[in-house]
Amino acid sequence: MSDKILIAFHHACDQGDFEVAEELLRILEMMLTRRPVSPDLNRRKNMESLVAAHERLWLLRHPEAKDQ
């Protein structure tokens, strides 16, 4: 399910809907940080994707920082 939320996040970013993108990130973060029921072998990859998504949203909201 987290992959589908991440896809929806990127779609919201592409559409310029940053409020929706931020909410989707909040949900994704909640899913990834809660205590897993079973060991998740993809946890590191998922956390890296979450960090990259936060970075993308920040850069979209602060385009002037990209030029520096």
PDB file of N, CA and C in Angstrom:
ATOM      1  N   MET A   1       0.821  -1.190   0.000  1.00  0.00           N
ATOM      2  CA  MET A   1       0.000   0.000   0.000  1.00  0.00           C
ATOM      3  C   MET A   1       0.864   1.254   0.000  1.00  0.00           C
ATOM      4  N   SER A   2       2.041   1.213   0.647  1.00  0.00           N
ATOM      5  CA  SER A   2       2.871   2.409   0.714  1.00  0.00           C
ATOM      6  C   SER A   2       3.335   2.851  -0.676  1.00  0.00           C
ATOM      7  N   ASP A   3       3.541   1.901  -1.583  1.00  0.00           N
ATOM      8  CA  ASP A   3       3.937   2.259  -2.948  1.00  0.00           C
ATOM      9  C   ASP A   3       2.847   3.070  -3.641  1.00  0.00           C
ATOM     10  N   LYS A   4       1.602   2.694  -3.416  1.00  0.00           N
ATOM     11  CA  LYS A   4       0.483   3.408  -4.038  1.00  0.00           C
ATOM     12  C   LYS A   4       0.355   4.815  -3.465  1.00  0.00           C
ATOM     13  N   ILE A   5       0.600   4.965  -2.182  1.00  0.00           N
ATOM     14  CA  ILE A   5       0.553   6.297  -1.563  1.00  0.00           C
ATOM     15  C   ILE A   5       1.677   7.165  -2.100  1.00  0.00           C
ATOM     16  N   LEU A   6       2.857   6.577  -2.278  1.00  0.00           N
ATOM     17  CA  LEU A   6       3.988   7.312  -2.829  1.00  0.00           C
ATOM     18  C   LEU A   6       3.703   7.743  -4.270  1.00  0.00           C
ATOM     19  N   ILE A   7       3.072   6.895  -5.052  1.00  0.00           N
ATOM     20  CA  ILE A   7       2.691   7.252  -6.428  1.00  0.00           C
ATOM     21  C   ILE A   7       1.695   8.409  -6.404  1.00  0.00           C
ATOM     22  N   ALA A   8       0.710   8.338  -5.502  1.00  0.00           N
ATOM     23  CA  ALA A   8      -0.265   9.421  -5.379  1.00  0.00           C
ATOM     24  C   ALA A   8       0.422  10.718  -4.942  1.00  0.00           C
ATOM     25  N   PHE A   9       1.416  10.616  -4.056  1.00  0.00           N
ATOM     26  CA  PHE A   9       2.183  11.786  -3.630  1.00  0.00           C
ATOM     27  C   PHE A   9       2.851  12.454  -4.834  1.00  0.00           C
ATOM     28  N   HIS A  10       3.547  11.660  -5.642  1.00  0.00           N
ATOM     29  CA  HIS A  10       4.243  12.221  -6.807  1.00  0.00           C
ATOM     30  C   HIS A  10       3.251  12.819  -7.800  1.00  0.00           C
ATOM     31  N   HIS A  11       2.099  12.203  -7.946  1.00  0.00           N
ATOM     32  CA  HIS A  11       1.064  12.753  -8.830  1.00  0.00           C
ATOM     33  C   HIS A  11       0.585  14.108  -8.295  1.00  0.00           C
ATOM     34  N   ALA A  12       0.367  14.200  -6.992  1.00  0.00           N
ATOM     35  CA  ALA A  12      -0.058  15.471  -6.395  1.00  0.00           C
ATOM     36  C   ALA A  12       1.018  16.541  -6.611  1.00  0.00           C
ATOM     37  N   CYS A  13       2.286  16.175  -6.461  1.00  0.00           N
ATOM     38  CA  CYS A  13       3.383  17.124  -6.712  1.00  0.00           C
ATOM     39  C   CYS A  13       3.367  17.578  -8.171  1.00  0.00           C
ATOM     40  N   ASP A  14       3.191  16.636  -9.085  1.00  0.00           N
ATOM     41  CA  ASP A  14       3.159  16.968 -10.514  1.00  0.00           C
ATOM     42  C   ASP A  14       2.021  17.922 -10.838  1.00  0.00           C
ATOM     43  N   GLN A  15       0.929  17.803 -10.095  1.00  0.00           N
ATOM     44  CA  GLN A  15      -0.238  18.660 -10.312  1.00  0.00           C
ATOM     45  C   GLN A  15      -0.133  19.981  -9.546  1.00  0.00           C
ATOM     46  N   GLY A  16       0.901  20.112  -8.716  1.00  0.00           N
ATOM     47  CA  GLY A  16       1.077  21.337  -7.930  1.00  0.00           C
ATOM     48  C   GLY A  16       0.185  21.405  -6.711  1.00  0.00           C
ATOM     49  N   ASP A  17      -0.393  20.289  -6.314  1.00  0.00           N
ATOM     50  CA  ASP A  17      -1.269  20.259  -5.138  1.00  0.00           C
ATOM     51  C   ASP A  17      -0.440  19.859  -3.922  1.00  0.00           C
ATOM     52  N   PHE A  18       0.281  20.824  -3.369  1.00  0.00           N
ATOM     53  CA  PHE A  18       1.231  20.554  -2.301  1.00  0.00           C
ATOM     54  C   PHE A  18       0.566  20.209  -0.979  1.00  0.00           C
ATOM     55  N   GLU A  19      -0.639  20.708  -0.746  1.00  0.00           N
ATOM     56  CA  GLU A  19      -1.347  20.359   0.492  1.00  0.00           C
ATOM     57  C   GLU A  19      -1.689  18.870   0.514  1.00  0.00           C
ATOM     58  N   VAL A  20      -2.167  18.368  -0.603  1.00  0.00           N
ATOM     59  CA  VAL A  20      -2.490  16.935  -0.701  1.00  0.00           C
ATOM     60  C   VAL A  20      -1.208  16.118  -0.601  1.00  0.00           C
ATOM     61  N   ALA A  21      -0.157  16.568  -1.278  1.00  0.00           N
ATOM     62  CA  ALA A  21       1.125  15.861  -1.228  1.00  0.00           C
ATOM     63  C   ALA A  21       1.631  15.768   0.208  1.00  0.00           C
ATOM     64  N   GLU A  22       1.513  16.870   0.944  1.00  0.00           N
ATOM     65  CA  GLU A  22       1.968  16.879   2.334  1.00  0.00           C
ATOM     66  C   GLU A  22       1.158  15.916   3.200  1.00  0.00           C
ATOM     67  N   GLU A  23      -0.133  15.878   2.986  1.00  0.00           N
ATOM     68  CA  GLU A  23      -0.990  14.966   3.755  1.00  0.00           C
ATOM     69  C   GLU A  23      -0.667  13.505   3.426  1.00  0.00           C
ATOM     70  N   LEU A  24      -0.428  13.222   2.156  1.00  0.00           N
ATOM     71  CA  LEU A  24      -0.051  11.860   1.774  1.00  0.00           C
ATOM     72  C   LEU A  24       1.279  11.466   2.406  1.00  0.00           C
ATOM     73  N   LEU A  25       2.225  12.399   2.489  1.00  0.00           N
ATOM     74  CA  LEU A  25       3.493  12.119   3.155  1.00  0.00           C
ATOM     75  C   LEU A  25       3.288  11.837   4.640  1.00  0.00           C
ATOM     76  N   ARG A  26       2.387  12.588   5.255  1.00  0.00           N
ATOM     77  CA  ARG A  26       2.096  12.375   6.674  1.00  0.00           C
ATOM     78  C   ARG A  26       1.550  10.961   6.890  1.00  0.00           C
ATOM     79  N   ILE A  27       0.655  10.537   6.037  1.00  0.00           N
ATOM     80  CA  ILE A  27       0.078   9.192   6.138  1.00  0.00           C
ATOM     81  C   ILE A  27       1.146   8.131   5.895  1.00  0.00           C
ATOM     82  N   LEU A  28       1.972   8.351   4.872  1.00  0.00           N
ATOM     83  CA  LEU A  28       3.041   7.398   4.571  1.00  0.00           C
ATOM     84  C   LEU A  28       4.024   7.293   5.728  1.00  0.00           C
ATOM     85  N   GLU A  29       4.362   8.430   6.313  1.00  0.00           N
ATOM     86  CA  GLU A  29       5.281   8.421   7.454  1.00  0.00           C
ATOM     87  C   GLU A  29       4.675   7.664   8.635  1.00  0.00           C
ATOM     88  N   MET A  30       3.388   7.868   8.880  1.00  0.00           N
ATOM     89  CA  MET A  30       2.708   7.158   9.967  1.00  0.00           C
ATOM     90  C   MET A  30       2.771   5.648   9.721  1.00  0.00           C
ATOM     91  N   MET A  31       2.551   5.231   8.487  1.00  0.00           N
ATOM     92  CA  MET A  31       2.582   3.809   8.158  1.00  0.00           C
ATOM     93  C   MET A  31       3.977   3.221   8.354  1.00  0.00           C
ATOM     94  N   LEU A  32       5.005   3.971   7.980  1.00  0.00           N
ATOM     95  CA  LEU A  32       6.368   3.447   8.023  1.00  0.00           C
ATOM     96  C   LEU A  32       6.990   3.502   9.409  1.00  0.00           C
ATOM     97  N   THR A  33       6.510   4.384  10.266  1.00  0.00           N
ATOM     98  CA  THR A  33       7.142   4.525  11.575  1.00  0.00           C
ATOM     99  C   THR A  33       6.418   3.775  12.688  1.00  0.00           C
ATOM    100  N   ARG A  34       5.209   3.330  12.433  1.00  0.00           N
ATOM    101  CA  ARG A  34       4.539   2.553  13.484  1.00  0.00           C
ATOM    102  C   ARG A  34       5.214   1.197  13.624  1.00  0.00           C
ATOM    103  N   ARG A  35       5.016   0.594  14.736  1.00  0.00           N
ATOM    104  CA  ARG A  35       5.665  -0.692  15.019  1.00  0.00           C
ATOM    105  C   ARG A  35       5.148  -1.754  14.047  1.00  0.00           C
ATOM    106  N   PRO A  36       6.048  -2.370  13.287  1.00  0.00           N
ATOM    107  CA  PRO A  36       5.608  -3.387  12.315  1.00  0.00           C
ATOM    108  C   PRO A  36       5.152  -4.665  13.014  1.00  0.00           C
ATOM    109  N   VAL A  37       4.137  -5.286  12.434  1.00  0.00           N
ATOM    110  CA  VAL A  37       3.623  -6.547  12.958  1.00  0.00           C
ATOM    111  C   VAL A  37       4.616  -7.663  12.650  1.00  0.00           C
ATOM    112  N   SER A  38       5.185  -7.614  11.470  1.00  0.00           N
ATOM    113  CA  SER A  38       6.196  -8.608  11.070  1.00  0.00           C
ATOM    114  C   SER A  38       7.435  -7.859  10.592  1.00  0.00           C
ATOM    115  N   PRO A  39       8.587  -8.504  10.627  1.00  0.00           N
ATOM    116  CA  PRO A  39       9.809  -7.832  10.171  1.00  0.00           C
ATOM    117  C   PRO A  39       9.686  -7.392   8.711  1.00  0.00           C
ATOM    118  N   ASP A  40      10.022  -6.160   8.447  1.00  0.00           N
ATOM    119  CA  ASP A  40       9.920  -5.613   7.095  1.00  0.00           C
ATOM    120  C   ASP A  40      11.320  -5.494   6.509  1.00  0.00           C
ATOM    121  N   LEU A  41      11.611  -6.325   5.537  1.00  0.00           N
ATOM    122  CA  LEU A  41      12.927  -6.342   4.922  1.00  0.00           C
ATOM    123  C   LEU A  41      13.161  -5.115   4.038  1.00  0.00           C
ATOM    124  N   ASN A  42      12.095  -4.437   3.656  1.00  0.00           N
ATOM    125  CA  ASN A  42      12.205  -3.260   2.792  1.00  0.00           C
ATOM    126  C   ASN A  42      12.171  -1.952   3.581  1.00  0.00           C
ATOM    127  N   ARG A  43      12.278  -2.023   4.884  1.00  0.00           N
ATOM    128  CA  ARG A  43      12.132  -0.831   5.717  1.00  0.00           C
ATOM    129  C   ARG A  43      13.119   0.276   5.328  1.00  0.00           C
ATOM    130  N   ARG A  44      14.384  -0.086   5.122  1.00  0.00           N
ATOM    131  CA  ARG A  44      15.386   0.923   4.776  1.00  0.00           C
ATOM    132  C   ARG A  44      15.048   1.597   3.448  1.00  0.00           C
ATOM    133  N   LYS A  45      14.677   0.804   2.451  1.00  0.00           N
ATOM    134  CA  LYS A  45      14.299   1.352   1.143  1.00  0.00           C
ATOM    135  C   LYS A  45      13.086   2.267   1.279  1.00  0.00           C
ATOM    136  N   ASN A  46      12.114   1.842   2.070  1.00  0.00           N
ATOM    137  CA  ASN A  46      10.918   2.656   2.277  1.00  0.00           C
ATOM    138  C   ASN A  46      11.254   3.970   2.969  1.00  0.00           C
ATOM    139  N   MET A  47      12.141   3.923   3.959  1.00  0.00           N
ATOM    140  CA  MET A  47      12.523   5.149   4.665  1.00  0.00           C
ATOM    141  C   MET A  47      13.299   6.084   3.736  1.00  0.00           C
ATOM    142  N   GLU A  48      14.159   5.528   2.886  1.00  0.00           N
ATOM    143  CA  GLU A  48      14.889   6.347   1.923  1.00  0.00           C
ATOM    144  C   GLU A  48      13.920   7.018   0.943  1.00  0.00           C
ATOM    145  N   SER A  49      12.903   6.296   0.521  1.00  0.00           N
ATOM    146  CA  SER A  49      11.890   6.864  -0.372  1.00  0.00           C
ATOM    147  C   SER A  49      11.130   7.987   0.324  1.00  0.00           C
ATOM    148  N   LEU A  50      10.835   7.805   1.599  1.00  0.00           N
ATOM    149  CA  LEU A  50      10.139   8.831   2.372  1.00  0.00           C
ATOM    150  C   LEU A  50      10.988  10.094   2.472  1.00  0.00           C
ATOM    151  N   VAL A  51      12.267   9.944   2.762  1.00  0.00           N
ATOM    152  CA  VAL A  51      13.169  11.097   2.856  1.00  0.00           C
ATOM    153  C   VAL A  51      13.255  11.806   1.504  1.00  0.00           C
ATOM    154  N   ALA A  52      13.376  11.052   0.429  1.00  0.00           N
ATOM    155  CA  ALA A  52      13.447  11.645  -0.907  1.00  0.00           C
ATOM    156  C   ALA A  52      12.154  12.397  -1.238  1.00  0.00           C
ATOM    157  N   ALA A  53      11.021  11.865  -0.817  1.00  0.00           N
ATOM    158  CA  ALA A  53       9.739  12.529  -1.063  1.00  0.00           C
ATOM    159  C   ALA A  53       9.662  13.839  -0.285  1.00  0.00           C
ATOM    160  N   HIS A  54      10.108  13.836   0.966  1.00  0.00           N
ATOM    161  CA  HIS A  54      10.138  15.079   1.750  1.00  0.00           C
ATOM    162  C   HIS A  54      11.030  16.115   1.065  1.00  0.00           C
ATOM    163  N   GLU A  55      12.168  15.663   0.562  1.00  0.00           N
ATOM    164  CA  GLU A  55      13.081  16.577  -0.119  1.00  0.00           C
ATOM    165  C   GLU A  55      12.437  17.158  -1.380  1.00  0.00           C
ATOM    166  N   ARG A  56      11.752  16.308  -2.139  1.00  0.00           N
ATOM    167  CA  ARG A  56      11.091  16.798  -3.363  1.00  0.00           C
ATOM    168  C   ARG A  56      10.059  17.861  -3.026  1.00  0.00           C
ATOM    169  N   LEU A  57       9.229  17.603  -2.020  1.00  0.00           N
ATOM    170  CA  LEU A  57       8.198  18.566  -1.651  1.00  0.00           C
ATOM    171  C   LEU A  57       8.827  19.868  -1.182  1.00  0.00           C
ATOM    172  N   TRP A  58       9.882  19.787  -0.392  1.00  0.00           N
ATOM    173  CA  TRP A  58      10.547  20.996   0.094  1.00  0.00           C
ATOM    174  C   TRP A  58      11.099  21.807  -1.078  1.00  0.00           C
ATOM    175  N   LEU A  59      11.750  21.133  -2.036  1.00  0.00           N
ATOM    176  CA  LEU A  59      12.306  21.841  -3.190  1.00  0.00           C
ATOM    177  C   LEU A  59      11.213  22.465  -4.059  1.00  0.00           C
ATOM    178  N   LEU A  60      10.070  21.804  -4.174  1.00  0.00           N
ATOM    179  CA  LEU A  60       8.964  22.377  -4.936  1.00  0.00           C
ATOM    180  C   LEU A  60       8.409  23.620  -4.245  1.00  0.00           C
ATOM    181  N   ARG A  61       8.395  23.603  -2.930  1.00  0.00           N
ATOM    182  CA  ARG A  61       7.887  24.755  -2.180  1.00  0.00           C
ATOM    183  C   ARG A  61       8.909  25.876  -2.054  1.00  0.00           C
ATOM    184  N   HIS A  62      10.177  25.573  -2.272  1.00  0.00           N
ATOM    185  CA  HIS A  62      11.260  26.560  -2.147  1.00  0.00           C
ATOM    186  C   HIS A  62      12.137  26.520  -3.403  1.00  0.00           C
ATOM    187  N   PRO A  63      11.590  26.883  -4.550  1.00  0.00           N
ATOM    188  CA  PRO A  63      12.369  26.776  -5.798  1.00  0.00           C
ATOM    189  C   PRO A  63      13.620  27.663  -5.802  1.00  0.00           C
ATOM    190  N   GLU A  64      13.611  28.725  -5.016  1.00  0.00           N
ATOM    191  CA  GLU A  64      14.773  29.612  -4.963  1.00  0.00           C
ATOM    192  C   GLU A  64      15.987  28.907  -4.369  1.00  0.00           C
ATOM    193  N   ALA A  65      15.782  27.919  -3.526  1.00  0.00           N
ATOM    194  CA  ALA A  65      16.887  27.189  -2.899  1.00  0.00           C
ATOM    195  C   ALA A  65      17.607  26.317  -3.925  1.00  0.00           C
ATOM    196  N   LYS A  66      16.914  25.900  -4.952  1.00  0.00           N
ATOM    197  CA  LYS A  66      17.495  25.052  -5.988  1.00  0.00           C
ATOM    198  C   LYS A  66      18.558  25.808  -6.780  1.00  0.00           C
ATOM    199  N   ASP A  67      18.392  27.120  -6.931  1.00  0.00           N
ATOM    200  CA  ASP A  67      19.305  27.935  -7.716  1.00  0.00           C
ATOM    201  C   ASP A  67      20.585  28.280  -6.975  1.00  0.00           C
ATOM    202  N   GLN A  68      20.627  28.051  -5.696  1.00  0.00           N
ATOM    203  CA  GLN A  68      21.804  28.445  -4.898  1.00  0.00           C
ATOM    204  C   GLN A  68      22.889  27.419  -4.932  1.00  0.00           C
TER     205      GLN A  68
END
